[in-house]
Protein backbone atom coordinates (compact mmCIF):
# COMPACT_ATOMS: atom_id res chain seq x y z
CA MET A 1 68.62 70.51 89.42
CA ASP A 2 67.62 70.58 85.76
CA PRO A 3 63.77 70.43 85.66
CA MET A 4 63.85 68.96 82.12
CA LYS A 5 66.03 66.01 83.08
CA GLU A 6 64.27 62.70 83.77
CA SER A 7 64.77 61.18 87.17
CA ILE A 8 64.91 57.72 85.54
CA PRO A 9 66.33 57.97 81.99
CA HIS A 10 64.41 55.98 79.35
CA GLN A 11 66.31 53.05 77.89
CA PRO A 12 64.63 51.35 74.93
CA GLU A 13 64.47 47.55 75.12
CA LEU A 14 66.77 45.60 72.92
CA ASP A 15 65.23 43.33 70.27
CA ALA A 16 65.40 39.68 71.35
CA ILE A 17 66.23 38.62 67.78
CA ASP A 18 68.83 40.36 65.65
CA TRP A 19 67.16 39.91 62.27
CA ARG A 20 69.97 41.59 60.36
CA MET A 21 72.59 39.28 61.83
CA SER A 22 70.32 36.24 61.27
CA LEU A 23 69.84 37.12 57.61
CA ARG A 24 73.56 37.69 57.22
CA ARG A 25 74.28 34.26 58.71
CA ALA A 26 71.72 32.65 56.43
CA ARG A 27 73.30 34.33 53.41
CA HIS A 28 76.74 33.15 54.49
CA ALA A 29 75.41 29.58 54.94
CA VAL A 30 73.82 29.59 51.47
CA VAL A 31 76.93 31.03 49.80
CA ARG A 32 79.31 28.70 51.59
CA TYR A 33 77.22 25.47 51.37
CA TRP A 34 75.43 25.93 48.05
CA LEU A 35 76.71 22.57 46.91
CA LEU A 36 74.93 20.94 49.86
CA ILE A 37 71.66 22.59 48.83
CA VAL A 38 72.11 21.45 45.24
CA ALA A 39 72.88 17.91 46.44
CA SER A 40 69.72 17.97 48.59
CA CYS A 41 67.63 18.98 45.57
CA VAL A 42 69.25 16.23 43.50
CA VAL A 43 68.48 13.66 46.19
CA SER A 44 64.88 14.91 46.40
CA PHE A 45 64.40 14.55 42.63
CA ALA A 46 66.07 11.14 42.77
CA LEU A 47 63.61 10.03 45.46
CA LEU A 48 60.76 11.37 43.34
CA ALA A 49 61.99 9.43 40.33
CA LEU A 50 62.36 6.32 42.50
CA TYR A 51 58.79 6.77 43.80
CA ILE A 52 57.41 7.12 40.27
CA LYS A 53 59.43 4.10 39.17
CA ILE A 54 58.56 1.79 42.06
CA PHE A 55 54.97 2.76 42.82
CA PRO A 56 52.49 2.19 40.00
CA PRO A 57 50.25 4.98 38.72
CA ILE A 58 46.58 5.28 39.62
CA TYR A 59 43.84 5.29 36.99
CA LYS A 60 40.28 5.97 38.03
CA ALA A 61 37.00 4.91 36.38
CA GLU A 62 33.40 5.47 37.47
CA ALA A 63 30.16 3.61 36.77
CA VAL A 64 26.89 5.35 37.66
CA LEU A 65 24.10 3.34 39.34
CA LEU A 66 20.54 4.35 40.15
CA GLY A 67 18.76 2.84 43.13
CA GLU A 68 15.02 2.64 43.56
CA PRO A 69 13.88 4.91 46.39
CA ASN A 70 12.26 3.31 49.40
CA GLU A 71 9.23 5.59 49.06
CA ASP A 72 8.01 3.99 45.80
CA VAL A 73 4.64 2.92 47.25
CA ILE A 74 2.96 2.00 43.95
CA ARG A 75 5.64 -0.50 42.96
CA SER A 76 5.81 -1.93 46.45
CA ASN A 77 2.04 -2.50 46.53
CA TYR A 78 2.06 -4.09 43.07
CA TYR A 79 4.68 -6.65 44.03
CA ALA A 80 3.48 -7.13 47.61
CA HIS A 81 2.05 -10.64 46.98
CA TRP A 82 4.79 -11.97 44.69
CA ASN A 83 7.32 -12.37 47.48
CA VAL A 84 10.19 -12.30 45.00
CA PHE A 85 10.60 -8.80 43.60
CA ARG A 86 12.23 -7.54 46.72
CA LYS A 87 14.74 -4.81 47.12
CA GLY A 88 17.46 -4.27 49.64
CA ASP A 89 18.05 -1.17 51.65
CA LEU A 90 19.96 1.43 49.66
CA LYS A 91 22.24 1.96 52.64
CA SER A 92 23.33 -1.69 52.40
CA GLU A 93 23.93 -1.79 48.64
CA PRO A 94 27.43 -0.18 48.81
CA GLU A 95 28.58 -2.89 51.21
CA LEU A 96 27.22 -5.59 48.90
CA ILE A 97 28.93 -4.05 45.87
CA THR A 98 32.30 -3.96 47.64
CA SER A 99 31.84 -7.33 49.35
CA GLY A 100 34.49 -10.00 49.22
CA LYS A 101 32.31 -12.38 47.21
CA VAL A 102 31.96 -9.91 44.34
CA ALA A 103 35.67 -9.08 44.50
CA ARG A 104 36.67 -12.75 44.38
CA ARG A 105 34.46 -13.41 41.37
CA VAL A 106 35.85 -10.38 39.50
CA VAL A 107 39.44 -11.37 40.27
CA ALA A 108 38.78 -14.94 39.14
CA ALA A 109 36.87 -13.91 36.00
CA LEU A 110 39.55 -11.46 34.83
CA ASP A 111 42.46 -13.60 36.12
CA LEU A 112 43.97 -10.65 37.95
CA LYS A 113 47.29 -10.67 39.74
CA PHE A 114 48.58 -8.42 42.47
CA ASN A 115 50.33 -6.12 40.00
CA ASP A 116 47.06 -5.70 38.06
CA VAL A 117 45.08 -4.19 40.93
CA HIS A 118 45.35 -1.02 42.94
CA HIS A 119 47.26 -1.01 46.18
CA THR A 120 47.98 1.72 48.65
CA PHE A 121 51.38 3.08 49.58
CA LEU A 122 51.67 0.90 52.68
CA THR A 123 50.39 -2.15 50.80
CA GLN A 124 53.04 -1.63 48.12
CA LEU A 125 55.74 -1.24 50.77
CA GLY A 126 54.59 -4.43 52.44
CA TYR A 127 54.57 -6.25 49.10
CA LEU A 128 58.08 -5.04 48.27
CA TRP A 129 59.27 -6.11 51.70
CA THR A 130 57.64 -9.52 51.26
CA GLU A 131 59.16 -10.11 47.83
CA SER A 132 62.60 -8.73 48.66
CA TRP A 133 65.56 -10.88 49.64
CA VAL A 134 65.75 -9.16 53.04
CA GLY A 135 62.09 -9.87 53.80
CA LYS A 136 62.34 -13.51 52.77
CA SER A 137 65.51 -13.95 54.82
CA TYR A 138 63.83 -12.32 57.82
CA ARG A 139 60.84 -14.67 57.57
CA ARG A 140 63.10 -17.70 57.31
CA PHE A 141 65.06 -16.53 60.35
CA LYS A 142 61.86 -15.91 62.31
CA GLU A 143 60.51 -19.35 61.43
CA TRP A 144 63.84 -20.86 62.48
CA LEU A 145 63.82 -18.91 65.74
CA PHE A 146 60.09 -19.45 66.45
CA PRO A 147 59.00 -22.62 64.64
CA PRO A 148 55.30 -22.61 63.74
CA ASP A 149 52.92 -25.25 65.03
CA PRO A 150 53.14 -28.29 62.71
CA SER A 151 49.40 -28.94 63.10
CA ALA A 152 48.45 -25.38 62.13
CA TYR A 153 47.02 -24.76 58.69
CA LYS A 154 49.52 -23.24 56.30
CA ALA A 155 48.24 -21.50 53.21
CA THR A 156 49.82 -22.20 49.86
CA PRO A 157 51.62 -19.43 47.96
CA GLU A 158 48.76 -19.37 45.43
CA GLU A 159 46.19 -18.85 48.20
CA ILE A 160 48.30 -16.10 49.74
CA GLU A 161 48.67 -14.39 46.38
CA ARG A 162 44.95 -14.66 45.68
CA ALA A 163 44.00 -13.31 49.11
CA ARG A 164 46.47 -10.44 48.76
CA THR A 165 45.07 -9.63 45.33
CA VAL A 166 41.45 -9.65 46.55
CA ASP A 167 42.24 -7.43 49.54
CA ALA A 168 44.17 -4.97 47.38
CA PHE A 169 41.38 -5.00 44.79
CA ARG A 170 38.79 -4.18 47.47
CA ASP A 171 40.95 -1.28 48.66
CA GLY A 172 40.60 0.28 45.22
CA VAL A 173 36.80 -0.03 45.02
CA PHE A 174 34.34 2.21 46.82
CA VAL A 175 30.85 3.58 46.27
CA ASP A 176 30.33 7.32 46.38
CA ALA A 177 26.69 8.24 47.03
CA VAL A 178 25.41 11.51 45.59
CA PRO A 179 23.84 13.44 48.47
CA GLY A 180 20.11 13.99 48.22
CA THR A 181 19.61 11.45 45.40
CA ALA A 182 19.39 7.71 44.86
CA VAL A 183 22.40 7.82 42.53
CA GLY A 184 25.74 6.29 43.39
CA ARG A 185 29.09 6.09 41.65
CA VAL A 186 31.13 2.90 41.71
CA VAL A 187 34.68 4.25 41.68
CA VAL A 188 37.49 1.84 40.81
CA ARG A 189 41.20 2.62 40.98
CA ALA A 190 43.73 0.53 39.11
CA PRO A 191 47.37 0.84 38.01
CA THR A 192 46.42 0.45 34.32
CA TYR A 193 43.80 1.58 31.83
CA ARG A 194 41.77 -1.50 32.77
CA ALA A 195 40.11 0.46 35.58
CA ALA A 196 36.98 0.89 33.42
CA GLU A 197 36.94 -2.84 32.69
CA PHE A 198 37.19 -3.55 36.42
CA ALA A 199 34.34 -1.15 37.23
CA ASN A 200 32.02 -2.58 34.56
CA LYS A 201 32.83 -6.12 35.62
CA ILE A 202 32.07 -5.29 39.25
CA VAL A 203 28.67 -3.89 38.29
CA ASP A 204 27.83 -6.90 36.10
CA VAL A 205 28.96 -9.39 38.74
CA TYR A 206 27.02 -7.56 41.45
CA LEU A 207 23.79 -7.54 39.43
CA ALA A 208 24.30 -11.19 38.48
CA GLU A 209 24.96 -12.15 42.10
CA ARG A 210 21.86 -10.26 43.17
CA SER A 211 19.73 -12.04 40.57
CA ASN A 212 21.29 -15.42 41.41
CA MET A 213 20.57 -14.83 45.07
CA PHE A 214 16.86 -14.40 44.37
CA LEU A 215 16.88 -17.31 41.90
CA ASN A 216 18.59 -19.63 44.38
CA GLU A 217 16.18 -18.52 47.06
CA ALA A 218 13.19 -19.35 44.83
CA GLU A 219 14.70 -22.67 43.71
CA THR A 220 15.52 -23.72 47.27
CA ALA A 221 12.10 -22.68 48.50
CA TYR A 222 10.34 -24.58 45.71
CA LYS A 223 12.34 -27.79 46.20
CA SER A 224 11.92 -27.80 49.96
CA LEU A 225 8.21 -26.98 49.71
CA GLU A 226 7.67 -29.64 47.06
CA GLY A 227 8.98 -32.37 49.37
CA GLU A 228 6.94 -31.04 52.27
CA VAL A 229 3.75 -30.98 50.16
CA ARG A 230 4.23 -34.59 49.14
CA ARG A 231 4.81 -35.66 52.70
CA ALA A 232 1.71 -33.73 53.80
CA GLU A 233 -0.34 -35.53 51.14
CA VAL A 234 0.85 -38.93 52.41
CA ASP A 235 0.09 -38.01 56.04
CA LEU A 236 -3.38 -36.73 55.12
CA ALA A 237 -4.23 -39.91 53.20
CA ALA A 238 -3.03 -42.06 56.11
CA ILE A 239 -5.19 -40.25 58.67
CA ASP A 240 -8.23 -40.57 56.37
CA ARG A 241 -7.74 -44.33 56.20
CA GLN A 242 -7.37 -44.59 59.97
CA LYS A 243 -10.58 -42.65 60.57
CA LEU A 244 -12.52 -44.82 58.14
CA GLU A 245 -11.33 -48.01 59.84
CA PHE A 246 -12.13 -46.60 63.29
CA ASP A 247 -15.69 -45.58 62.35
CA SER A 248 -16.37 -48.98 60.79
CA ARG A 249 -14.98 -50.91 63.76
CA ASN A 250 -16.84 -48.93 66.45
CA LYS A 251 -20.03 -48.31 64.43
CA VAL A 252 -19.79 -44.58 64.83
CA VAL A 253 -22.66 -43.01 62.86
CA LEU A 254 -23.06 -39.30 62.23
CA ASP A 255 -20.38 -38.41 64.72
CA PHE A 256 -22.00 -39.97 67.83
CA GLU A 257 -25.48 -38.42 67.48
CA LYS A 258 -27.10 -41.19 69.60
CA ASP A 259 -24.36 -41.08 72.13
CA LYS A 260 -24.66 -37.32 72.31
CA LEU A 261 -28.22 -37.70 73.72
CA LEU A 262 -26.93 -40.20 76.25
CA VAL A 263 -24.20 -37.81 77.21
CA ALA A 264 -26.76 -35.01 77.60
CA SER A 265 -28.85 -37.13 80.00
CA TRP A 266 -25.75 -38.11 81.90
CA ALA A 267 -24.65 -34.51 82.13
CA SER A 268 -28.08 -33.40 83.39
CA LEU A 269 -28.08 -36.13 86.04
CA ARG A 270 -24.55 -35.20 87.08
CA THR A 271 -25.64 -31.59 87.41
CA THR A 272 -28.56 -32.57 89.66
CA ILE A 273 -26.33 -34.76 91.81
CA SER A 274 -23.81 -31.94 92.09
CA GLU A 275 -26.53 -29.57 93.26
CA VAL A 276 -27.79 -32.11 95.85
CA THR A 277 -24.22 -32.74 97.01
CA ALA A 278 -23.66 -29.02 97.36
CA ASN A 279 -26.94 -28.73 99.32
CA ILE A 280 -25.84 -31.53 101.65
CA ALA A 281 -22.48 -29.83 102.19
CA SER A 282 -24.28 -26.56 102.97
CA ILE A 283 -26.63 -28.25 105.45
CA GLU A 284 -23.73 -30.04 107.15
CA ALA A 285 -21.82 -26.78 107.47
CA SER A 286 -24.87 -25.04 108.96
CA LEU A 287 -25.43 -27.97 111.34
CA GLU A 288 -21.82 -27.80 112.50
CA VAL A 289 -22.15 -24.09 113.24
CA VAL A 290 -25.40 -24.64 115.20
CA GLU A 291 -23.81 -27.45 117.21
CA GLN A 292 -20.85 -25.24 118.07
CA GLN A 293 -23.24 -22.54 119.29
CA LEU A 294 -25.16 -25.12 121.36
CA ARG A 295 -21.95 -26.22 123.02
CA SER A 296 -21.11 -22.63 123.91
CA GLU A 297 -24.63 -21.71 125.20
CA PRO A 298 -25.68 -22.73 128.77
CA ARG A 299 -28.89 -24.71 129.21
CA GLU A 300 -30.14 -22.39 132.05
CA ILE A 301 -29.55 -18.71 132.79
CA ILE A 302 -29.96 -16.53 135.93
CA SER A 303 -33.11 -14.40 135.83
CA SER A 304 -32.64 -12.43 139.17
CA ARG A 305 -30.17 -12.00 142.09
CA THR A 306 -30.51 -10.90 145.85
CA LEU A 307 -27.74 -8.56 147.18
CA ARG A 308 -26.89 -7.06 150.65
CA ASP A 309 -24.15 -4.96 152.20
CA SER A 310 -20.87 -6.72 152.86
CA THR A 311 -20.27 -7.45 156.58
CA VAL A 312 -16.61 -8.10 155.93
CA LYS A 313 -16.16 -4.60 154.58
CA GLY A 314 -17.79 -3.19 157.75
CA MET A 315 -15.48 -5.17 159.94
CA LEU A 316 -12.48 -3.99 157.93
CA GLN A 317 -13.60 -0.39 158.24
CA ALA A 318 -13.93 -0.77 162.06
CA LYS A 319 -10.52 -2.41 162.26
CA LEU A 320 -9.02 0.35 160.09
CA PHE A 321 -10.46 2.94 162.48
CA GLN A 322 -8.94 1.19 165.50
CA LEU A 323 -5.56 0.87 163.85
CA SER A 324 -5.57 4.52 162.75
CA THR A 325 -6.40 5.60 166.33
CA SER A 326 -3.65 3.43 167.79
CA LEU A 327 -1.20 4.74 165.20
CA GLN A 328 -2.00 8.31 166.11
CA GLN A 329 -1.43 7.57 169.78
CA ASP A 330 1.85 5.74 169.20
CA ARG A 331 3.17 8.58 167.04
CA GLU A 332 2.66 10.87 170.02
CA ARG A 333 4.35 8.45 172.40
CA PHE A 334 7.23 7.05 170.26
CA VAL A 335 9.78 8.27 167.82
CA PRO A 336 8.50 8.22 164.15
CA GLY A 337 10.97 5.51 163.14
CA SER A 338 10.35 3.20 166.11
CA PRO A 339 9.26 -0.44 165.55
CA GLU A 340 5.86 0.13 167.15
CA VAL A 341 5.00 2.95 164.75
CA THR A 342 6.38 1.08 161.75
CA GLN A 343 4.38 -2.07 162.52
CA LEU A 344 1.14 -0.13 162.96
CA GLU A 345 1.71 1.72 159.67
CA LYS A 346 2.16 -1.67 157.95
CA PHE A 347 -1.11 -3.01 159.47
CA VAL A 348 -2.95 0.15 158.37
CA ALA A 349 -1.69 -0.22 154.79
CA GLU A 350 -2.68 -3.91 154.63
CA THR A 351 -6.13 -3.16 156.02
CA ARG A 352 -6.71 -0.42 153.48
CA GLY A 353 -5.67 -2.76 150.65
CA ALA A 354 -8.08 -5.44 151.82
CA LEU A 355 -10.81 -2.82 152.20
CA GLN A 356 -10.36 -1.66 148.60
CA GLN A 357 -10.60 -5.24 147.28
CA GLU A 358 -13.78 -6.05 149.22
CA PRO A 359 -17.05 -5.32 147.26
CA ASP A 360 -19.76 -3.13 148.70
CA LYS A 361 -22.54 -5.68 148.00
CA VAL A 362 -22.55 -9.47 148.19
CA GLU A 363 -24.95 -11.92 146.55
CA ILE A 364 -27.10 -13.97 148.97
CA GLY A 365 -29.41 -15.69 146.42
CA GLN A 366 -30.39 -16.12 142.68
CA GLU A 367 -33.27 -17.44 140.46
CA ARG A 368 -32.61 -19.65 137.30
CA ILE A 369 -34.75 -20.28 134.16
CA LEU A 370 -34.28 -22.16 130.80
CA ASN A 371 -32.11 -20.32 128.18
CA PRO A 372 -34.36 -19.19 125.26
CA VAL A 373 -31.37 -19.00 122.86
CA TYR A 374 -30.52 -22.59 123.67
CA ASN A 375 -34.08 -23.65 122.85
CA ASP A 376 -33.96 -21.82 119.46
CA LEU A 377 -30.67 -23.48 118.55
CA ARG A 378 -32.10 -26.90 119.42
CA GLN A 379 -35.03 -26.27 117.08
CA GLN A 380 -32.67 -25.18 114.27
CA GLN A 381 -30.59 -28.32 114.83
CA ASN A 382 -33.62 -30.55 114.51
CA GLY A 383 -34.70 -28.79 111.28
CA LEU A 384 -31.25 -29.12 109.74
CA LEU A 385 -31.10 -32.81 110.64
CA THR A 386 -34.42 -33.33 108.87
CA LYS A 387 -33.23 -31.51 105.72
CA LEU A 388 -29.96 -33.44 105.77
CA ALA A 389 -31.74 -36.78 105.88
CA SER A 390 -34.01 -35.72 103.00
CA ALA A 391 -31.08 -34.55 100.87
CA ARG A 392 -29.15 -37.74 101.46
CA ALA A 393 -32.16 -39.79 100.42
CA THR A 394 -32.48 -37.72 97.24
CA LEU A 395 -28.77 -38.21 96.50
CA ALA A 396 -29.08 -41.96 96.90
CA ALA A 397 -32.08 -41.98 94.54
CA LYS A 398 -30.17 -39.99 91.89
CA GLN A 399 -26.99 -42.04 92.13
CA SER A 400 -28.71 -45.28 91.19
CA PRO A 401 -29.60 -44.31 87.55
CA LEU A 402 -26.27 -42.51 87.27
CA ALA A 403 -24.42 -45.75 87.93
CA GLU A 404 -26.42 -47.45 85.19
CA LEU A 405 -25.60 -44.65 82.72
CA GLU A 406 -21.94 -44.76 83.62
CA LYS A 407 -21.82 -48.47 82.89
CA ARG A 408 -23.07 -47.78 79.38
CA MET A 409 -20.81 -44.80 78.88
CA ASP A 410 -17.53 -46.35 79.95
CA GLN A 411 -16.32 -46.51 76.38
CA VAL A 412 -17.90 -43.31 75.06
CA PRO A 413 -15.21 -40.88 76.34
CA ASN A 414 -12.43 -42.97 74.87
CA LEU A 415 -14.23 -43.15 71.54
CA VAL A 416 -14.95 -39.44 71.54
CA LYS A 417 -11.37 -38.68 72.50
CA ALA A 418 -10.07 -40.85 69.70
CA VAL A 419 -12.42 -39.25 67.17
CA ILE A 420 -11.53 -35.73 68.34
CA GLU A 421 -7.84 -36.53 68.20
CA GLN A 422 -8.21 -37.90 64.69
CA THR A 423 -10.22 -34.85 63.64
CA ARG A 424 -7.67 -32.49 65.17
CA ILE A 425 -4.81 -34.26 63.44
CA ARG A 426 -6.66 -34.23 60.14
CA GLU A 427 -7.51 -30.53 60.41
CA GLY A 428 -3.91 -29.70 61.21
CA LEU A 429 -2.62 -31.80 58.34
CA GLU A 430 -5.17 -30.31 55.97
CA MET A 431 -4.29 -26.76 57.00
CA ARG A 432 -0.59 -27.55 56.67
CA TYR A 433 -1.17 -29.08 53.26
CA LYS A 434 -3.08 -26.01 52.05
CA LEU A 435 -0.45 -23.58 53.32
CA LEU A 436 2.40 -25.59 51.84
CA ARG A 437 0.60 -25.93 48.53
CA ASP A 438 -0.05 -22.17 48.38
CA ARG A 439 3.57 -21.40 49.23
CA MET A 440 4.80 -23.91 46.65
CA MET A 441 2.64 -22.30 43.98
CA GLN A 442 3.99 -18.91 45.01
CA ALA A 443 7.57 -20.20 44.90
CA ASP A 444 6.89 -21.73 41.48
CA VAL A 445 5.64 -18.40 40.15
CA SER A 446 8.62 -16.64 41.71
CA ARG A 447 11.02 -19.14 40.18
CA ALA A 448 9.48 -18.63 36.75
CA ALA A 449 9.42 -14.83 36.97
CA VAL A 450 12.62 -14.11 38.88
CA ARG A 451 14.65 -13.57 35.72
CA SER A 452 12.26 -10.85 34.58
CA ALA A 453 12.16 -9.11 37.94
CA PRO A 454 13.16 -5.46 37.54
CA PRO A 455 16.15 -4.86 39.79
CA SER A 456 15.98 -2.15 42.40
CA VAL A 457 19.49 -1.03 41.34
CA ARG A 458 20.02 -0.25 37.66
CA VAL A 459 23.03 0.85 35.63
CA VAL A 460 22.75 4.39 34.34
CA ASP A 461 26.15 4.62 32.70
CA TYR A 462 28.98 2.13 32.42
CA ALA A 463 32.53 3.28 33.05
CA SER A 464 34.65 4.66 30.23
CA PRO A 465 38.42 4.14 29.94
CA PRO A 466 40.33 6.92 31.69
CA MET A 467 42.24 9.43 29.57
CA LYS A 468 45.23 9.65 31.88
CA ALA A 469 46.42 8.65 35.30
CA THR A 470 45.09 10.62 38.23
CA TRP A 471 48.32 9.99 40.12
CA PRO A 472 51.22 10.77 40.10
CA LYS A 473 50.79 14.38 39.00
CA ASN A 474 54.09 15.91 37.94
CA VAL A 475 52.68 19.39 38.22
CA VAL A 476 52.32 18.73 41.95
CA LEU A 477 55.22 16.39 42.65
CA LEU A 478 57.99 18.37 40.87
CA PRO A 479 57.41 21.64 42.77
CA ALA A 480 56.96 19.64 45.96
CA ALA A 481 60.25 17.80 45.39
CA LEU A 482 62.01 21.08 44.61
CA ALA A 483 60.57 22.75 47.70
CA LEU A 484 61.52 19.76 49.83
CA GLY A 485 65.07 19.73 48.45
CA LEU A 486 65.53 23.47 48.98
CA PHE A 487 64.10 23.36 52.47
CA THR A 488 66.17 20.33 53.45
CA GLY A 489 69.35 21.77 51.89
CA PHE A 490 68.81 25.15 53.55
CA ALA A 491 68.23 23.45 56.91
CA LEU A 492 71.39 21.36 56.50
CA ALA A 493 73.37 24.45 55.47
CA LEU A 494 72.19 26.32 58.55
CA LEU A 495 73.11 23.38 60.76
CA ALA A 496 76.54 23.18 59.13
CA GLU A 497 77.03 26.92 59.62
CA VAL A 498 75.95 26.71 63.25
CA PHE A 499 78.28 23.84 64.07
CA SER A 500 81.18 25.21 61.99
CA SER A 501 84.39 26.28 63.81
CA ARG A 502 85.07 29.22 61.47
CA VAL A 503 85.40 32.65 63.13
CA ASN A 504 83.59 35.65 61.60
CA ARG A 505 82.39 39.03 62.69
CA ASP A 506 78.84 37.82 63.46
CA ARG A 507 80.04 35.21 65.91
CA LEU A 508 82.40 37.69 67.59
CA ALA A 509 79.65 40.31 67.74
CA SER A 510 77.32 37.85 69.47
CA ARG A 511 79.90 37.28 72.24
CA PRO A 512 79.75 40.13 74.78
CA ASP A 513 82.90 38.88 76.52
CA ILE A 514 85.00 39.41 73.37
CA PRO A 515 85.22 43.11 72.37
CA VAL A 516 85.57 43.98 68.69
CA TYR A 517 88.01 46.85 68.10
CA ALA A 518 88.08 46.96 64.32
CA VAL A 519 86.65 45.32 61.19
CA ILE A 520 89.13 44.71 58.37
CA ASP A 521 87.65 44.78 54.91
CA GLN A 522 88.37 41.98 52.48
CA ARG A 523 89.44 43.04 48.98
CA PRO A 524 89.19 40.98 45.80
CA GLU A 525 92.98 40.68 45.46
CA GLY A 526 95.57 40.85 48.19
CA PRO A 527 99.28 41.65 48.09
CA SER A 528 100.07 38.25 46.76
CA GLY A 529 97.65 38.65 43.89
CA LEU A 530 95.50 35.77 45.09
CA PRO A 531 91.75 36.25 45.06
CA GLY A 532 90.21 36.67 48.46
CA ALA A 533 93.50 37.60 50.21
CA VAL A 534 93.33 40.20 52.94
CA ALA A 535 95.19 43.51 52.24
CA PRO A 536 94.92 45.60 55.36
CA ASP A 537 95.56 49.35 55.25
CA SER A 538 97.77 50.16 58.23
CA ARG A 539 96.68 53.76 58.52
CA SER A 540 92.99 52.98 58.39
CA VAL A 541 93.44 50.21 60.92
CA VAL A 542 95.38 52.49 63.31
CA ASP A 543 92.85 55.28 62.92
CA ARG A 544 89.97 52.92 63.63
CA LEU A 545 91.72 51.50 66.68
CA ARG A 546 92.31 55.02 67.99
CA ARG A 547 88.69 55.96 67.45
CA VAL A 548 87.53 52.82 69.20
CA SER A 549 89.92 53.36 72.13
């Protein structure tokens, strides 16, 4: 055995992809289908030209705005009491700038149409579909197939056009905030050079709308407060007249000073009567408790008792002894389970039970005396009855002048209530009148000064007309179209080569079931003189076949 020979010979793995054959196939596909690649590039450039023709260009313009920071404490304190020079949150300003109200005013002021504003790719496709004959026919067919509800609101073509224009216009407007600053850029995109005009108009309309909002707020507040102040004046004058008539009719002088003394006496008497009534209730409660204790206490109690030994217990003990003796004798004479023994055991158990229940001593006599607790309770009862009679007499004496005072004071509470109610109403009306008057003066000052209020958002720089369109960019689209055409053409050429039925050496070489014995070269001119004809050399072919075999 050769020691240098491997037991398992090494066989290098075959490459899963034959790169040389793949490149050769790709070259054959490009050479054979170069017209397809050229046609693909032409179609790509045609689509690019169609895109540039159909879809409008995009011009961009920017207006720079400066917002007042929220941390401006000095300005906030200065205008704290004006209630008009207010500022919105900077985070909300972009939404207000791009709101539908501002967009509608700009579209109406500049009389813009759909073709004048920016629209996205999908919006343009939808617009083309809507305006095309196919789209209109499809809508008519759909309405014929699914008729709309006759009662439903149907917008006019002008309203649809205006709504489409406003939506497309809003798509082309956005606010770009500069990070870390209070500066923002209002960016407007449009299909024409009017993008700067649109941006400047948006800024002007936004500032005007903001000012008008504060002005309308001040005007509305002033008008509403003015009517409320006048009504408060009328109500206050009416309550003053009512109070004057009431005082004159009831002869109320100095706000019931004389009646106040009468009320003080009445209140003092009522307090005394309340105290006496409470004392009577306390005495009655104590008397009830004493009477309950008297009912539970006996009149006499036992002072001593005479006891002696129980004779019954002695008799039971003697009987128990006799029964125990008889039981012992019967157990010796009879079987343990016999009736005689069982009966005696029962008698013994009953006697023992009776003996345990019988006391050792029995009472033969007792001595009774009067209960001292009962006597004490009787004395307390008599004292409480005396106090109760005295308190009731005092209550009757106090109630007599109270009845006379109450007769004279029957009308005083009603008069006082009426006066207090009138005073309360007048104070409320007066306070309401003062508050409304102060707010009306404040609204008047705000209305006069709202035009001069410094806005919290100011224009730093208006937009300038753009120099050129930001889209489409030929420097980007042309290479992209060329790359797309080449890639698509190359892919189509490869697919055509793969699905072609032409036989070549690469296809035969990739089939292991078909052996290749020779490769015949192709010369520029064959025997017939035609280009590309095959002129085989018989000797070379025979030699190659021999070498292969």
